[in-house]
């Protein structure tokens, strides 16, 4: 819960933050990401995933537990993530 004054200040702050643009990943980078995700899934090894966000990157650590090629999503830490939001994967 937030006080009205704090909420107003927060909204004002967000309005003045410059939004980032989604980076365009080349084919090599996309293949590198796909390979790292597949390795985490098959070998049950932990990875660090960096997700695109308009204001700041989001980092998630864990093991990929599901790959859904049809919906282009992965599941990590019981959270479903669109593959298009992934900008980097570190093993």
N, C-alpha and C. Protein backbone atom coordinates (compact mmCIF):
# COMPACT_ATOMS: atom_id res chain seq x y z
N UNK A 1 0.84 -1.18 0.00
CA UNK A 1 0.00 0.00 0.00
C UNK A 1 0.88 1.23 0.00
N UNK A 2 0.44 2.25 -0.70
CA UNK A 2 1.24 3.44 -0.88
C UNK A 2 0.43 4.68 -0.52
N UNK A 3 1.06 5.61 0.15
CA UNK A 3 0.39 6.88 0.44
C UNK A 3 0.16 7.63 -0.86
N UNK A 4 -0.91 8.41 -0.94
CA UNK A 4 -1.20 9.15 -2.18
C UNK A 4 -0.03 10.05 -2.62
N UNK A 5 0.65 10.66 -1.66
CA UNK A 5 1.78 11.54 -2.00
C UNK A 5 2.92 10.73 -2.63
N UNK A 6 3.15 9.53 -2.09
CA UNK A 6 4.21 8.68 -2.61
C UNK A 6 3.85 8.16 -4.00
N UNK A 7 2.60 7.80 -4.17
CA UNK A 7 2.15 7.31 -5.47
C UNK A 7 2.30 8.39 -6.53
N UNK A 8 1.90 9.60 -6.19
CA UNK A 8 2.02 10.73 -7.12
C UNK A 8 3.48 10.98 -7.51
N UNK A 9 4.36 10.93 -6.53
CA UNK A 9 5.79 11.12 -6.79
C UNK A 9 6.34 9.99 -7.65
N UNK A 10 5.91 8.76 -7.37
CA UNK A 10 6.35 7.60 -8.13
C UNK A 10 5.91 7.72 -9.60
N UNK A 11 4.67 8.07 -9.83
CA UNK A 11 4.16 8.24 -11.19
C UNK A 11 4.92 9.36 -11.90
N UNK A 12 5.20 10.45 -11.20
CA UNK A 12 5.98 11.55 -11.78
C UNK A 12 7.38 11.07 -12.15
N UNK A 13 7.98 10.28 -11.27
CA UNK A 13 9.32 9.73 -11.52
C UNK A 13 9.32 8.85 -12.76
N UNK A 14 8.34 7.95 -12.88
CA UNK A 14 8.26 7.05 -14.03
C UNK A 14 8.07 7.82 -15.34
N UNK A 15 7.33 8.91 -15.28
CA UNK A 15 7.08 9.71 -16.48
C UNK A 15 8.35 10.36 -17.00
N UNK A 16 9.34 10.56 -16.13
CA UNK A 16 10.57 11.24 -16.53
C UNK A 16 11.73 10.29 -16.81
N UNK A 17 11.51 9.01 -16.62
CA UNK A 17 12.56 8.04 -16.95
C UNK A 17 12.47 7.75 -18.44
N UNK A 18 13.60 7.76 -19.09
CA UNK A 18 13.63 7.49 -20.52
C UNK A 18 13.49 5.99 -20.76
N UNK A 19 12.51 5.64 -21.60
CA UNK A 19 12.29 4.24 -21.91
C UNK A 19 13.37 3.75 -22.87
N UNK A 20 13.81 2.51 -22.64
CA UNK A 20 14.79 1.89 -23.52
C UNK A 20 14.07 1.20 -24.66
N UNK A 21 14.77 1.04 -25.76
CA UNK A 21 14.22 0.32 -26.90
C UNK A 21 14.72 -1.12 -26.87
N UNK A 22 13.86 -2.02 -27.34
CA UNK A 22 14.22 -3.44 -27.39
C UNK A 22 15.41 -3.62 -28.34
N UNK A 23 16.48 -4.26 -27.90
CA UNK A 23 17.63 -4.48 -28.79
C UNK A 23 17.30 -5.52 -29.85
N UNK A 24 17.85 -5.34 -31.02
CA UNK A 24 17.70 -6.32 -32.10
C UNK A 24 18.86 -7.31 -32.00
N UNK A 25 18.54 -8.56 -31.83
CA UNK A 25 19.57 -9.58 -31.69
C UNK A 25 19.86 -10.19 -33.05
N UNK A 26 21.15 -10.32 -33.37
CA UNK A 26 21.49 -10.96 -34.64
C UNK A 26 21.27 -12.47 -34.52
N UNK A 27 21.35 -13.15 -35.65
CA UNK A 27 21.05 -14.58 -35.69
C UNK A 27 22.00 -15.39 -34.80
N UNK A 28 23.28 -15.01 -34.77
CA UNK A 28 24.25 -15.73 -33.93
C UNK A 28 23.89 -15.61 -32.45
N UNK A 29 23.50 -14.42 -32.02
CA UNK A 29 23.13 -14.21 -30.62
C UNK A 29 21.87 -15.00 -30.29
N UNK A 30 20.89 -15.03 -31.19
CA UNK A 30 19.67 -15.80 -30.97
C UNK A 30 19.98 -17.29 -30.83
N UNK A 31 20.88 -17.80 -31.68
CA UNK A 31 21.25 -19.21 -31.60
C UNK A 31 21.99 -19.51 -30.30
N UNK A 32 22.84 -18.59 -29.87
CA UNK A 32 23.58 -18.75 -28.61
C UNK A 32 22.60 -18.83 -27.44
N UNK A 33 21.58 -17.97 -27.44
CA UNK A 33 20.56 -17.98 -26.39
C UNK A 33 19.79 -19.29 -26.41
N UNK A 34 19.35 -19.71 -27.60
CA UNK A 34 18.60 -20.96 -27.72
C UNK A 34 19.41 -22.16 -27.24
N UNK A 35 20.69 -22.18 -27.58
CA UNK A 35 21.56 -23.30 -27.17
C UNK A 35 21.72 -23.32 -25.65
N UNK A 36 21.93 -22.16 -25.04
CA UNK A 36 22.09 -22.10 -23.58
C UNK A 36 20.81 -22.52 -22.86
N UNK A 37 19.65 -22.13 -23.39
CA UNK A 37 18.38 -22.53 -22.80
C UNK A 37 18.17 -24.04 -22.92
N UNK A 38 18.49 -24.59 -24.08
CA UNK A 38 18.35 -26.02 -24.31
C UNK A 38 19.30 -26.81 -23.40
N UNK A 39 20.53 -26.34 -23.26
CA UNK A 39 21.49 -26.99 -22.36
C UNK A 39 20.98 -26.99 -20.92
N UNK A 40 20.44 -25.87 -20.47
CA UNK A 40 19.92 -25.78 -19.11
C UNK A 40 18.78 -26.78 -18.93
N UNK A 41 17.92 -26.90 -19.93
CA UNK A 41 16.79 -27.81 -19.86
C UNK A 41 17.25 -29.27 -19.85
N UNK A 42 18.10 -29.63 -20.79
CA UNK A 42 18.53 -31.02 -20.94
C UNK A 42 19.46 -31.47 -19.82
N UNK A 43 20.39 -30.62 -19.43
CA UNK A 43 21.40 -30.99 -18.44
C UNK A 43 21.05 -30.57 -17.03
N UNK A 44 19.93 -29.84 -16.89
CA UNK A 44 19.48 -29.33 -15.59
C UNK A 44 20.56 -28.49 -14.92
N UNK A 45 21.19 -27.63 -15.71
CA UNK A 45 22.21 -26.72 -15.19
C UNK A 45 21.62 -25.33 -15.02
N UNK A 46 22.04 -24.62 -13.97
CA UNK A 46 21.50 -23.28 -13.74
C UNK A 46 22.03 -22.27 -14.77
N UNK A 47 21.19 -21.30 -15.10
CA UNK A 47 21.56 -20.21 -16.00
C UNK A 47 21.08 -18.89 -15.39
N UNK A 48 21.67 -17.82 -15.89
CA UNK A 48 21.22 -16.48 -15.56
C UNK A 48 20.64 -15.89 -16.83
N UNK A 49 19.38 -15.51 -16.76
CA UNK A 49 18.69 -14.96 -17.93
C UNK A 49 18.47 -13.48 -17.71
N UNK A 50 18.80 -12.67 -18.71
CA UNK A 50 18.57 -11.24 -18.66
C UNK A 50 17.40 -10.94 -19.61
N UNK A 51 16.37 -10.31 -19.04
CA UNK A 51 15.16 -9.99 -19.80
C UNK A 51 15.10 -8.51 -20.12
N UNK A 52 14.55 -8.20 -21.28
CA UNK A 52 14.34 -6.82 -21.66
C UNK A 52 13.21 -6.22 -20.83
N UNK A 53 13.40 -4.99 -20.40
CA UNK A 53 12.37 -4.18 -19.75
C UNK A 53 12.58 -2.75 -20.22
N UNK A 54 11.52 -2.01 -20.34
CA UNK A 54 11.63 -0.64 -20.85
C UNK A 54 12.48 0.26 -19.97
N UNK A 55 12.57 -0.05 -18.68
CA UNK A 55 13.27 0.83 -17.76
C UNK A 55 14.62 0.29 -17.29
N UNK A 56 14.72 -1.00 -17.05
CA UNK A 56 15.99 -1.60 -16.63
C UNK A 56 15.94 -3.09 -16.89
N UNK A 57 17.07 -3.73 -17.14
CA UNK A 57 17.07 -5.17 -17.39
C UNK A 57 16.65 -5.94 -16.13
N UNK A 58 16.00 -7.09 -16.35
CA UNK A 58 15.57 -7.95 -15.26
C UNK A 58 16.39 -9.24 -15.34
N UNK A 59 16.94 -9.66 -14.22
CA UNK A 59 17.78 -10.85 -14.18
C UNK A 59 17.07 -11.95 -13.39
N UNK A 60 17.07 -13.16 -13.97
CA UNK A 60 16.48 -14.32 -13.31
C UNK A 60 17.50 -15.45 -13.32
N UNK A 61 17.69 -16.08 -12.17
CA UNK A 61 18.59 -17.22 -12.05
C UNK A 61 17.77 -18.48 -11.81
N UNK A 62 18.17 -19.59 -12.44
CA UNK A 62 17.47 -20.84 -12.21
C UNK A 62 17.75 -21.86 -13.30
N UNK A 63 16.93 -22.91 -13.31
CA UNK A 63 17.05 -23.99 -14.29
C UNK A 63 15.80 -23.99 -15.15
N UNK A 64 15.99 -24.06 -16.45
CA UNK A 64 14.85 -24.11 -17.37
C UNK A 64 14.16 -25.46 -17.18
N UNK A 65 12.85 -25.41 -16.86
CA UNK A 65 12.10 -26.64 -16.60
C UNK A 65 11.13 -26.98 -17.72
N UNK A 66 10.90 -26.03 -18.63
CA UNK A 66 9.99 -26.30 -19.74
C UNK A 66 10.35 -25.41 -20.92
N UNK A 67 10.34 -26.00 -22.12
CA UNK A 67 10.53 -25.26 -23.37
C UNK A 67 9.27 -25.47 -24.21
N UNK A 68 8.63 -24.39 -24.61
CA UNK A 68 7.41 -24.47 -25.41
C UNK A 68 7.68 -23.78 -26.74
N UNK A 69 8.06 -24.57 -27.75
CA UNK A 69 8.40 -24.02 -29.06
C UNK A 69 7.18 -23.42 -29.76
N UNK A 70 6.01 -24.00 -29.53
CA UNK A 70 4.79 -23.52 -30.18
C UNK A 70 4.42 -22.12 -29.70
N UNK A 71 4.45 -21.90 -28.40
CA UNK A 71 4.12 -20.59 -27.84
C UNK A 71 5.33 -19.68 -27.67
N UNK A 72 6.51 -20.20 -28.00
CA UNK A 72 7.76 -19.44 -27.86
C UNK A 72 7.94 -18.92 -26.43
N UNK A 73 7.82 -19.84 -25.46
CA UNK A 73 7.97 -19.48 -24.05
C UNK A 73 8.85 -20.54 -23.36
N UNK A 74 9.49 -20.12 -22.28
CA UNK A 74 10.22 -21.05 -21.42
C UNK A 74 9.66 -20.91 -20.01
N UNK A 75 9.89 -21.93 -19.20
CA UNK A 75 9.52 -21.84 -17.79
C UNK A 75 10.78 -22.00 -16.96
N UNK A 76 10.98 -21.05 -16.05
CA UNK A 76 12.11 -21.08 -15.13
C UNK A 76 11.58 -20.57 -13.78
N UNK A 77 11.90 -21.29 -12.71
CA UNK A 77 11.41 -20.93 -11.37
C UNK A 77 9.89 -20.80 -11.35
N UNK A 78 9.20 -21.70 -12.04
CA UNK A 78 7.73 -21.70 -12.12
C UNK A 78 7.16 -20.43 -12.75
N UNK A 79 7.96 -19.72 -13.52
CA UNK A 79 7.52 -18.51 -14.19
C UNK A 79 7.66 -18.70 -15.70
N UNK A 80 6.59 -18.45 -16.43
CA UNK A 80 6.61 -18.57 -17.89
C UNK A 80 7.07 -17.25 -18.50
N UNK A 81 8.07 -17.34 -19.38
CA UNK A 81 8.70 -16.14 -19.95
C UNK A 81 8.69 -16.24 -21.47
N UNK A 82 8.27 -15.17 -22.15
CA UNK A 82 8.36 -15.17 -23.62
C UNK A 82 9.83 -15.14 -24.06
N UNK A 83 10.18 -15.98 -25.01
CA UNK A 83 11.56 -16.05 -25.49
C UNK A 83 11.99 -14.70 -26.09
N UNK A 84 11.05 -13.98 -26.69
CA UNK A 84 11.40 -12.69 -27.32
C UNK A 84 11.89 -11.65 -26.31
N UNK A 85 11.57 -11.85 -25.01
CA UNK A 85 12.03 -10.92 -23.97
C UNK A 85 13.45 -11.20 -23.50
N UNK A 86 14.00 -12.35 -23.88
CA UNK A 86 15.34 -12.73 -23.41
C UNK A 86 16.39 -12.04 -24.30
N UNK A 87 17.28 -11.29 -23.66
CA UNK A 87 18.33 -10.61 -24.42
C UNK A 87 19.71 -11.19 -24.15
N UNK A 88 19.82 -12.02 -23.10
CA UNK A 88 21.12 -12.64 -22.80
C UNK A 88 20.92 -13.83 -21.87
N UNK A 89 21.73 -14.86 -22.06
CA UNK A 89 21.73 -16.02 -21.17
C UNK A 89 23.18 -16.33 -20.82
N UNK A 90 23.44 -16.46 -19.52
CA UNK A 90 24.78 -16.80 -19.04
C UNK A 90 24.72 -18.14 -18.34
N UNK A 91 25.66 -19.01 -18.68
CA UNK A 91 25.70 -20.35 -18.05
C UNK A 91 26.44 -20.31 -16.74
